Amino acid sequence: MGPTRKRDLAAGVVGAAIAGYLLVVALYRWFPPITAWTGLSLLGVAIAEALWGRHVRAKINDGEIGDGPGWLHPLAVARSLMIAKASAWVGSVVLGWWIGVLVYFLPRRSWLRVAAEDTPGTVVAAVCALALVVAALWLQHCCKSPQDPTEHGEAAESWDAG
């Protein structure tokens, strides 16, 4: 399993933005109000992942990975990596959704009152989704071992020898 590529996440953002825009064009009249609280749950997850990443990085740097008291089990690191990868994808798709909604709102703010009222909540939700993507990529980075040869651009063929 390799690191999550930023270009793949960017493609997810663009695809979700296009789909989000098309859905908003068709269904906006049935949307509930979008408040500043709408996307804040993503910020809570982003903060939790960033703090966990800091903890994991400290344990890895201190060599406290293993099966002892106060040590971080290697399976916990592997699970953290899977959570980071999943969160990066969820965050990118949700970010794309909110960008699509914003693209719909921004030109209509001057003459559509509800679009003007929903714009601040949409911006907050988009920023929180971006924070989730950043925190997930940070957690993924923190799960690397200090001797990871792919971190410094070394070729994969060094793993094939032997």
N, C-alpha and C. Protein backbone atom coordinates (compact mmCIF):
# COMPACT_ATOMS: atom_id res chain seq x y z
N MET A 1 0.85 -1.17 0.00
CA MET A 1 0.00 0.00 0.00
C MET A 1 0.90 1.23 0.00
N GLY A 2 0.66 2.13 -0.92
CA GLY A 2 1.46 3.34 -1.02
C GLY A 2 0.74 4.52 -0.42
N PRO A 3 1.43 5.64 -0.35
CA PRO A 3 0.80 6.85 0.18
C PRO A 3 -0.31 7.35 -0.75
N THR A 4 -1.25 8.03 -0.16
CA THR A 4 -2.33 8.62 -0.94
C THR A 4 -1.76 9.74 -1.80
N ARG A 5 -2.02 9.67 -3.08
CA ARG A 5 -1.48 10.69 -3.99
C ARG A 5 -2.38 11.92 -3.99
N LYS A 6 -1.75 13.05 -3.89
CA LYS A 6 -2.51 14.31 -3.85
C LYS A 6 -3.26 14.56 -5.15
N ARG A 7 -2.71 14.12 -6.26
CA ARG A 7 -3.41 14.32 -7.54
C ARG A 7 -4.68 13.49 -7.60
N ASP A 8 -4.68 12.31 -6.97
CA ASP A 8 -5.90 11.51 -6.92
C ASP A 8 -6.96 12.18 -6.06
N LEU A 9 -6.51 12.75 -4.94
CA LEU A 9 -7.45 13.49 -4.09
C LEU A 9 -7.99 14.71 -4.82
N ALA A 10 -7.13 15.39 -5.57
CA ALA A 10 -7.58 16.56 -6.34
C ALA A 10 -8.62 16.15 -7.39
N ALA A 11 -8.41 15.00 -8.02
CA ALA A 11 -9.39 14.51 -8.98
C ALA A 11 -10.72 14.21 -8.29
N GLY A 12 -10.65 13.68 -7.08
CA GLY A 12 -11.87 13.43 -6.30
C GLY A 12 -12.59 14.72 -5.97
N VAL A 13 -11.83 15.76 -5.64
CA VAL A 13 -12.43 17.07 -5.35
C VAL A 13 -13.14 17.60 -6.59
N VAL A 14 -12.48 17.55 -7.73
CA VAL A 14 -13.06 18.08 -8.97
C VAL A 14 -14.31 17.29 -9.36
N GLY A 15 -14.22 15.96 -9.30
CA GLY A 15 -15.39 15.14 -9.65
C GLY A 15 -16.57 15.40 -8.74
N ALA A 16 -16.31 15.50 -7.44
CA ALA A 16 -17.39 15.76 -6.49
C ALA A 16 -17.94 17.17 -6.66
N ALA A 17 -17.09 18.12 -7.02
CA ALA A 17 -17.56 19.50 -7.23
C ALA A 17 -18.51 19.56 -8.43
N ILE A 18 -18.16 18.86 -9.48
CA ILE A 18 -19.04 18.85 -10.66
C ILE A 18 -20.37 18.18 -10.32
N ALA A 19 -20.30 17.03 -9.67
CA ALA A 19 -21.54 16.34 -9.29
C ALA A 19 -22.35 17.18 -8.31
N GLY A 20 -21.67 17.81 -7.35
CA GLY A 20 -22.36 18.65 -6.38
C GLY A 20 -23.06 19.83 -7.03
N TYR A 21 -22.37 20.47 -7.96
CA TYR A 21 -22.97 21.61 -8.65
C TYR A 21 -24.23 21.17 -9.41
N LEU A 22 -24.14 20.06 -10.12
CA LEU A 22 -25.29 19.59 -10.89
C LEU A 22 -26.46 19.21 -9.98
N LEU A 23 -26.17 18.62 -8.84
CA LEU A 23 -27.23 18.28 -7.89
C LEU A 23 -27.87 19.52 -7.28
N VAL A 24 -27.05 20.51 -6.98
CA VAL A 24 -27.59 21.74 -6.40
C VAL A 24 -28.46 22.47 -7.41
N VAL A 25 -28.04 22.48 -8.66
CA VAL A 25 -28.85 23.12 -9.70
C VAL A 25 -30.24 22.47 -9.75
N ALA A 26 -30.27 21.16 -9.63
CA ALA A 26 -31.55 20.45 -9.75
C ALA A 26 -32.37 20.44 -8.47
N LEU A 27 -31.71 20.44 -7.30
CA LEU A 27 -32.43 20.16 -6.06
C LEU A 27 -32.34 21.25 -4.99
N TYR A 28 -31.79 22.39 -5.28
CA TYR A 28 -31.54 23.37 -4.23
C TYR A 28 -32.81 23.83 -3.52
N ARG A 29 -33.91 23.89 -4.20
CA ARG A 29 -35.14 24.38 -3.57
C ARG A 29 -35.60 23.51 -2.42
N TRP A 30 -35.13 22.25 -2.36
CA TRP A 30 -35.53 21.34 -1.29
C TRP A 30 -34.47 21.22 -0.19
N PHE A 31 -33.40 21.98 -0.28
CA PHE A 31 -32.33 21.91 0.72
C PHE A 31 -32.75 22.57 2.02
N PRO A 32 -32.33 22.02 3.14
CA PRO A 32 -32.52 22.73 4.41
C PRO A 32 -31.51 23.86 4.50
N PRO A 33 -31.69 24.79 5.42
CA PRO A 33 -30.72 25.88 5.56
C PRO A 33 -29.34 25.33 5.92
N ILE A 34 -28.32 25.97 5.38
CA ILE A 34 -26.93 25.59 5.66
C ILE A 34 -26.38 26.61 6.66
N THR A 35 -26.08 26.13 7.86
CA THR A 35 -25.60 27.03 8.91
C THR A 35 -24.10 26.82 9.11
N ALA A 36 -23.53 27.63 9.98
CA ALA A 36 -22.10 27.48 10.29
C ALA A 36 -21.81 26.17 11.00
N TRP A 37 -22.82 25.56 11.61
CA TRP A 37 -22.64 24.29 12.32
C TRP A 37 -22.63 23.09 11.38
N THR A 38 -23.00 23.28 10.15
CA THR A 38 -23.17 22.17 9.21
C THR A 38 -21.92 21.31 9.07
N GLY A 39 -20.77 21.90 8.91
CA GLY A 39 -19.56 21.13 8.65
C GLY A 39 -18.61 21.00 9.81
N LEU A 40 -19.01 21.49 10.99
CA LEU A 40 -18.06 21.50 12.11
C LEU A 40 -17.70 20.11 12.62
N SER A 41 -18.51 19.11 12.38
CA SER A 41 -18.15 17.76 12.83
C SER A 41 -16.86 17.30 12.15
N LEU A 42 -16.66 17.72 10.91
CA LEU A 42 -15.42 17.37 10.21
C LEU A 42 -14.21 18.00 10.88
N LEU A 43 -14.40 19.18 11.43
CA LEU A 43 -13.29 19.84 12.13
C LEU A 43 -12.92 19.05 13.39
N GLY A 44 -13.90 18.53 14.08
CA GLY A 44 -13.62 17.70 15.26
C GLY A 44 -12.81 16.46 14.90
N VAL A 45 -13.18 15.81 13.80
CA VAL A 45 -12.43 14.64 13.35
C VAL A 45 -11.02 15.05 12.92
N ALA A 46 -10.90 16.18 12.25
CA ALA A 46 -9.58 16.66 11.81
C ALA A 46 -8.67 16.94 13.00
N ILE A 47 -9.21 17.55 14.03
CA ILE A 47 -8.40 17.83 15.23
C ILE A 47 -7.98 16.53 15.89
N ALA A 48 -8.90 15.59 16.00
CA ALA A 48 -8.57 14.30 16.62
C ALA A 48 -7.48 13.58 15.82
N GLU A 49 -7.58 13.59 14.51
CA GLU A 49 -6.56 12.93 13.69
C GLU A 49 -5.21 13.62 13.78
N ALA A 50 -5.22 14.94 13.82
CA ALA A 50 -3.95 15.66 13.94
C ALA A 50 -3.28 15.37 15.28
N LEU A 51 -4.05 15.33 16.34
CA LEU A 51 -3.48 15.02 17.66
C LEU A 51 -3.00 13.58 17.73
N TRP A 52 -3.75 12.66 17.13
CA TRP A 52 -3.32 11.27 17.11
C TRP A 52 -2.04 11.13 16.28
N GLY A 53 -1.96 11.86 15.19
CA GLY A 53 -0.74 11.83 14.37
C GLY A 53 0.47 12.30 15.15
N ARG A 54 0.28 13.32 15.94
CA ARG A 54 1.38 13.83 16.78
C ARG A 54 1.81 12.76 17.78
N HIS A 55 0.85 12.06 18.37
CA HIS A 55 1.14 11.00 19.32
C HIS A 55 1.89 9.84 18.64
N VAL A 56 1.39 9.43 17.48
CA VAL A 56 2.02 8.33 16.74
C VAL A 56 3.44 8.70 16.36
N ARG A 57 3.64 9.91 15.86
CA ARG A 57 4.98 10.35 15.45
C ARG A 57 5.93 10.34 16.65
N ALA A 58 5.47 10.79 17.80
CA ALA A 58 6.31 10.80 19.00
C ALA A 58 6.69 9.38 19.40
N LYS A 59 5.74 8.46 19.35
CA LYS A 59 6.03 7.07 19.70
C LYS A 59 7.02 6.44 18.71
N ILE A 60 6.85 6.71 17.43
CA ILE A 60 7.76 6.17 16.43
C ILE A 60 9.16 6.75 16.62
N ASN A 61 9.25 8.05 16.83
CA ASN A 61 10.56 8.69 17.01
C ASN A 61 11.26 8.21 18.28
N ASP A 62 10.50 7.89 19.30
CA ASP A 62 11.09 7.41 20.56
C ASP A 62 11.36 5.91 20.53
N GLY A 63 10.98 5.24 19.46
CA GLY A 63 11.19 3.80 19.35
C GLY A 63 10.25 3.00 20.23
N GLU A 64 9.12 3.56 20.57
CA GLU A 64 8.17 2.89 21.45
C GLU A 64 7.07 2.19 20.66
N ILE A 65 7.48 1.44 19.64
CA ILE A 65 6.54 0.66 18.84
C ILE A 65 6.79 -0.80 19.17
N GLY A 66 5.78 -1.48 19.58
CA GLY A 66 5.93 -2.89 19.93
C GLY A 66 4.80 -3.34 20.82
N ASP A 67 5.06 -4.40 21.55
CA ASP A 67 4.02 -5.00 22.38
C ASP A 67 4.42 -4.93 23.85
N GLY A 68 4.57 -3.73 24.34
CA GLY A 68 4.95 -3.56 25.74
C GLY A 68 4.07 -2.51 26.39
N PRO A 69 4.17 -2.38 27.70
CA PRO A 69 3.35 -1.37 28.39
C PRO A 69 3.77 0.04 27.99
N GLY A 70 2.79 0.83 27.59
CA GLY A 70 3.07 2.20 27.18
C GLY A 70 3.56 2.33 25.75
N TRP A 71 3.70 1.22 25.06
CA TRP A 71 4.16 1.23 23.68
C TRP A 71 2.97 1.19 22.73
N LEU A 72 3.18 1.64 21.54
CA LEU A 72 2.14 1.64 20.52
C LEU A 72 2.29 0.38 19.68
N HIS A 73 1.24 -0.40 19.63
CA HIS A 73 1.27 -1.66 18.89
C HIS A 73 1.35 -1.37 17.39
N PRO A 74 2.12 -2.15 16.64
CA PRO A 74 2.23 -1.92 15.20
C PRO A 74 0.88 -1.98 14.47
N LEU A 75 -0.03 -2.82 14.95
CA LEU A 75 -1.35 -2.88 14.31
C LEU A 75 -2.13 -1.58 14.52
N ALA A 76 -1.89 -0.90 15.63
CA ALA A 76 -2.54 0.40 15.85
C ALA A 76 -2.04 1.42 14.83
N VAL A 77 -0.76 1.34 14.50
CA VAL A 77 -0.21 2.24 13.48
C VAL A 77 -0.80 1.91 12.11
N ALA A 78 -0.91 0.62 11.80
CA ALA A 78 -1.50 0.21 10.52
C ALA A 78 -2.97 0.65 10.43
N ARG A 79 -3.70 0.51 11.52
CA ARG A 79 -5.10 0.95 11.53
C ARG A 79 -5.19 2.46 11.40
N SER A 80 -4.27 3.15 12.02
CA SER A 80 -4.24 4.61 11.90
C SER A 80 -4.00 5.03 10.46
N LEU A 81 -3.14 4.29 9.78
CA LEU A 81 -2.87 4.59 8.38
C LEU A 81 -4.12 4.38 7.53
N MET A 82 -4.86 3.32 7.80
CA MET A 82 -6.09 3.08 7.05
C MET A 82 -7.13 4.17 7.32
N ILE A 83 -7.23 4.60 8.57
CA ILE A 83 -8.14 5.69 8.90
C ILE A 83 -7.72 6.96 8.18
N ALA A 84 -6.41 7.20 8.14
CA ALA A 84 -5.91 8.40 7.46
C ALA A 84 -6.25 8.37 5.98
N LYS A 85 -6.05 7.24 5.33
CA LYS A 85 -6.36 7.14 3.91
C LYS A 85 -7.86 7.34 3.65
N ALA A 86 -8.69 6.70 4.46
CA ALA A 86 -10.13 6.84 4.29
C ALA A 86 -10.58 8.27 4.55
N SER A 87 -10.03 8.89 5.58
CA SER A 87 -10.40 10.27 5.90
C SER A 87 -9.98 11.24 4.81
N ALA A 88 -8.83 10.99 4.21
CA ALA A 88 -8.38 11.86 3.12
C ALA A 88 -9.37 11.81 1.96
N TRP A 89 -9.85 10.61 1.64
CA TRP A 89 -10.81 10.49 0.55
C TRP A 89 -12.17 11.08 0.91
N VAL A 90 -12.63 10.82 2.12
CA VAL A 90 -13.91 11.39 2.54
C VAL A 90 -13.82 12.92 2.54
N GLY A 91 -12.74 13.44 3.10
CA GLY A 91 -12.56 14.89 3.14
C GLY A 91 -12.50 15.50 1.75
N SER A 92 -11.84 14.83 0.81
CA SER A 92 -11.73 15.40 -0.53
C SER A 92 -13.08 15.39 -1.26
N VAL A 93 -13.85 14.32 -1.07
CA VAL A 93 -15.17 14.28 -1.71
C VAL A 93 -16.11 15.32 -1.10
N VAL A 94 -16.07 15.44 0.22
CA VAL A 94 -16.93 16.44 0.88
C VAL A 94 -16.47 17.85 0.51
N LEU A 95 -15.17 18.06 0.44
CA LEU A 95 -14.66 19.37 0.00
C LEU A 95 -15.16 19.68 -1.41
N GLY A 96 -15.09 18.70 -2.29
CA GLY A 96 -15.61 18.91 -3.65
C GLY A 96 -17.09 19.26 -3.66
N TRP A 97 -17.86 18.55 -2.83
CA TRP A 97 -19.29 18.86 -2.72
C TRP A 97 -19.50 20.33 -2.36
N TRP A 98 -18.81 20.78 -1.29
CA TRP A 98 -19.03 22.15 -0.82
C TRP A 98 -18.51 23.17 -1.82
N ILE A 99 -17.47 22.84 -2.54
CA ILE A 99 -16.99 23.75 -3.59
C ILE A 99 -18.04 23.86 -4.69
N GLY A 100 -18.65 22.74 -5.06
CA GLY A 100 -19.72 22.77 -6.06
C GLY A 100 -20.89 23.63 -5.60
N VAL A 101 -21.24 23.51 -4.31
CA VAL A 101 -22.31 24.33 -3.77
C VAL A 101 -21.92 25.81 -3.80
N LEU A 102 -20.68 26.10 -3.43
CA LEU A 102 -20.21 27.49 -3.46
C LEU A 102 -20.23 28.08 -4.87
N VAL A 103 -19.84 27.28 -5.85
CA VAL A 103 -19.85 27.75 -7.24
C VAL A 103 -21.28 28.10 -7.65
N TYR A 104 -22.24 27.39 -7.14
CA TYR A 104 -23.64 27.71 -7.42
C TYR A 104 -24.06 28.99 -6.70
N PHE A 105 -23.64 29.12 -5.42
CA PHE A 105 -24.09 30.25 -4.60
C PHE A 105 -23.49 31.59 -5.00
N LEU A 106 -22.20 31.63 -5.24
CA LEU A 106 -21.50 32.91 -5.37
C LEU A 106 -22.08 33.83 -6.43
N PRO A 107 -22.39 33.38 -7.63
CA PRO A 107 -22.98 34.31 -8.60
C PRO A 107 -24.43 34.68 -8.29
N ARG A 108 -25.09 33.95 -7.43
CA ARG A 108 -26.51 34.18 -7.13
C ARG A 108 -26.74 34.94 -5.83
N ARG A 109 -25.68 35.24 -5.11
CA ARG A 109 -25.82 35.89 -3.79
C ARG A 109 -26.52 37.24 -3.87
N SER A 110 -26.31 37.98 -4.95
CA SER A 110 -26.87 39.33 -5.02
C SER A 110 -28.38 39.34 -5.24
N TRP A 111 -28.94 38.32 -5.84
CA TRP A 111 -30.37 38.34 -6.12
C TRP A 111 -31.14 37.17 -5.51
N LEU A 112 -30.46 36.19 -4.93
CA LEU A 112 -31.14 35.07 -4.29
C LEU A 112 -30.79 35.10 -2.80
N ARG A 113 -31.76 35.55 -1.99
CA ARG A 113 -31.52 35.76 -0.57
C ARG A 113 -31.03 34.51 0.15
N VAL A 114 -31.63 33.36 -0.13
CA VAL A 114 -31.23 32.13 0.57
C VAL A 114 -29.80 31.72 0.21
N ALA A 115 -29.38 32.01 -1.00
CA ALA A 115 -28.00 31.70 -1.38
C ALA A 115 -27.03 32.57 -0.57
N ALA A 116 -27.39 33.82 -0.36
CA ALA A 116 -26.55 34.71 0.45
C ALA A 116 -26.52 34.25 1.90
N GLU A 117 -27.65 33.75 2.40
CA GLU A 117 -27.70 33.27 3.80
C GLU A 117 -26.95 31.96 3.98
N ASP A 118 -26.94 31.12 2.96
CA ASP A 118 -26.29 29.82 3.05
C ASP A 118 -24.79 29.85 2.76
N THR A 119 -24.30 30.92 2.17
CA THR A 119 -22.89 30.99 1.79
C THR A 119 -21.93 30.89 2.98
N PRO A 120 -22.13 31.62 4.08
CA PRO A 120 -21.17 31.48 5.19
C PRO A 120 -21.07 30.06 5.74
N GLY A 121 -22.19 29.39 5.89
CA GLY A 121 -22.16 28.01 6.36
C GLY A 121 -21.45 27.08 5.40
N THR A 122 -21.61 27.36 4.12
CA THR A 122 -20.94 26.55 3.10
C THR A 122 -19.43 26.76 3.14
N VAL A 123 -19.01 27.99 3.36
CA VAL A 123 -17.57 28.28 3.46
C VAL A 123 -16.98 27.58 4.68
N VAL A 124 -17.67 27.64 5.81
CA VAL A 124 -17.19 26.96 7.02
C VAL A 124 -17.08 25.46 6.77
N ALA A 125 -18.08 24.88 6.14
CA ALA A 125 -18.06 23.44 5.86
C ALA A 125 -16.91 23.07 4.93
N ALA A 126 -16.67 23.90 3.91
CA ALA A 126 -15.57 23.63 2.99
C ALA A 126 -14.22 23.73 3.69
N VAL A 127 -14.06 24.71 4.55
CA VAL A 127 -12.80 24.86 5.29
C VAL A 127 -12.60 23.67 6.24
N CYS A 128 -13.66 23.21 6.87
CA CYS A 128 -13.55 22.05 7.76
C CYS A 128 -13.21 20.78 6.97
N ALA A 129 -13.77 20.62 5.78
CA ALA A 129 -13.44 19.47 4.94
C ALA A 129 -11.97 19.54 4.51
N LEU A 130 -11.50 20.73 4.18
CA LEU A 130 -10.08 20.90 3.83
C LEU A 130 -9.19 20.57 5.03
N ALA A 131 -9.61 20.97 6.22
CA ALA A 131 -8.85 20.64 7.43
C ALA A 131 -8.79 19.13 7.63
N LEU A 132 -9.86 18.42 7.31
CA LEU A 132 -9.85 16.96 7.43
C LEU A 132 -8.86 16.35 6.45
N VAL A 133 -8.81 16.84 5.23
CA VAL A 133 -7.86 16.31 4.25
C VAL A 133 -6.43 16.54 4.74
N VAL A 134 -6.15 17.75 5.20
CA VAL A 134 -4.80 18.07 5.68
C VAL A 134 -4.43 17.21 6.88
N ALA A 135 -5.34 17.07 7.83
CA ALA A 135 -5.06 16.26 9.02
C ALA A 135 -4.87 14.79 8.65
N ALA A 136 -5.63 14.30 7.71
CA ALA A 136 -5.49 12.91 7.28
C ALA A 136 -4.14 12.68 6.61
N LEU A 137 -3.73 13.62 5.77
CA LEU A 137 -2.41 13.49 5.14
C LEU A 137 -1.30 13.60 6.18
N TRP A 138 -1.49 14.42 7.19
CA TRP A 138 -0.52 14.54 8.27
C TRP A 138 -0.43 13.22 9.04
N LEU A 139 -1.58 12.63 9.39
CA LEU A 139 -1.58 11.36 10.10
C LEU A 139 -0.90 10.28 9.26
N GLN A 140 -1.18 10.28 7.98
CA GLN A 140 -0.55 9.31 7.10
C GLN A 140 0.97 9.49 7.11
N HIS A 141 1.42 10.72 7.07
CA HIS A 141 2.85 11.01 7.13
C HIS A 141 3.45 10.56 8.46
N CYS A 142 2.73 10.75 9.53
CA CYS A 142 3.22 10.39 10.86
C CYS A 142 3.34 8.88 11.05
N CYS A 143 2.64 8.10 10.25
CA CYS A 143 2.69 6.65 10.38
C CYS A 143 3.90 6.04 9.67
N LYS A 144 4.69 6.83 8.96
CA LYS A 144 5.87 6.32 8.27
C LYS A 144 6.97 6.02 9.28
N SER A 145 7.71 4.97 8.98
CA SER A 145 8.87 4.70 9.83
C SER A 145 9.98 5.67 9.46
N PRO A 146 10.86 6.00 10.39
CA PRO A 146 11.92 6.97 10.09
C PRO A 146 12.85 6.52 8.97
N GLN A 147 12.96 5.22 8.75
CA GLN A 147 13.86 4.70 7.72
C GLN A 147 13.12 4.40 6.41
N ASP A 148 11.94 4.95 6.21
CA ASP A 148 11.16 4.67 5.01
C ASP A 148 11.92 5.14 3.78
N PRO A 149 12.35 4.23 2.87
CA PRO A 149 13.14 4.65 1.71
C PRO A 149 12.35 5.45 0.70
N THR A 150 11.01 5.33 0.67
CA THR A 150 10.22 6.07 -0.30
C THR A 150 10.08 7.53 0.06
N GLU A 151 10.42 7.88 1.29
CA GLU A 151 10.26 9.27 1.73
C GLU A 151 11.27 10.20 1.06
N HIS A 152 12.45 9.67 0.74
CA HIS A 152 13.49 10.51 0.15
C HIS A 152 13.66 10.26 -1.33
N GLY A 153 12.67 9.64 -1.95
CA GLY A 153 12.68 9.47 -3.39
C GLY A 153 13.54 8.31 -3.87
N GLU A 154 13.99 7.44 -2.99
CA GLU A 154 14.78 6.30 -3.43
C GLU A 154 13.87 5.34 -4.20
N ALA A 155 14.46 4.64 -5.12
CA ALA A 155 13.68 3.76 -5.99
C ALA A 155 13.22 2.53 -5.22
N ALA A 156 12.14 1.94 -5.71
CA ALA A 156 11.57 0.76 -5.08
C ALA A 156 12.42 -0.47 -5.32
N GLU A 157 13.36 -0.41 -6.28
CA GLU A 157 14.15 -1.59 -6.55
C GLU A 157 15.07 -1.96 -5.39
N SER A 158 15.32 -1.05 -4.45
CA SER A 158 16.13 -1.40 -3.29
C SER A 158 15.44 -2.46 -2.44
N TRP A 159 14.12 -2.55 -2.53
CA TRP A 159 13.38 -3.57 -1.80
C TRP A 159 13.47 -4.92 -2.50
N ASP A 160 13.72 -4.91 -3.81
CA ASP A 160 13.76 -6.15 -4.57
C ASP A 160 15.06 -6.91 -4.38
N ALA A 161 16.10 -6.24 -3.99
CA ALA A 161 17.40 -6.90 -3.84
C ALA A 161 17.35 -7.83 -2.62
N GLY A 162 17.62 -9.07 -2.82
CA GLY A 162 17.72 -9.99 -1.71
C GLY A 162 16.50 -10.77 -1.59
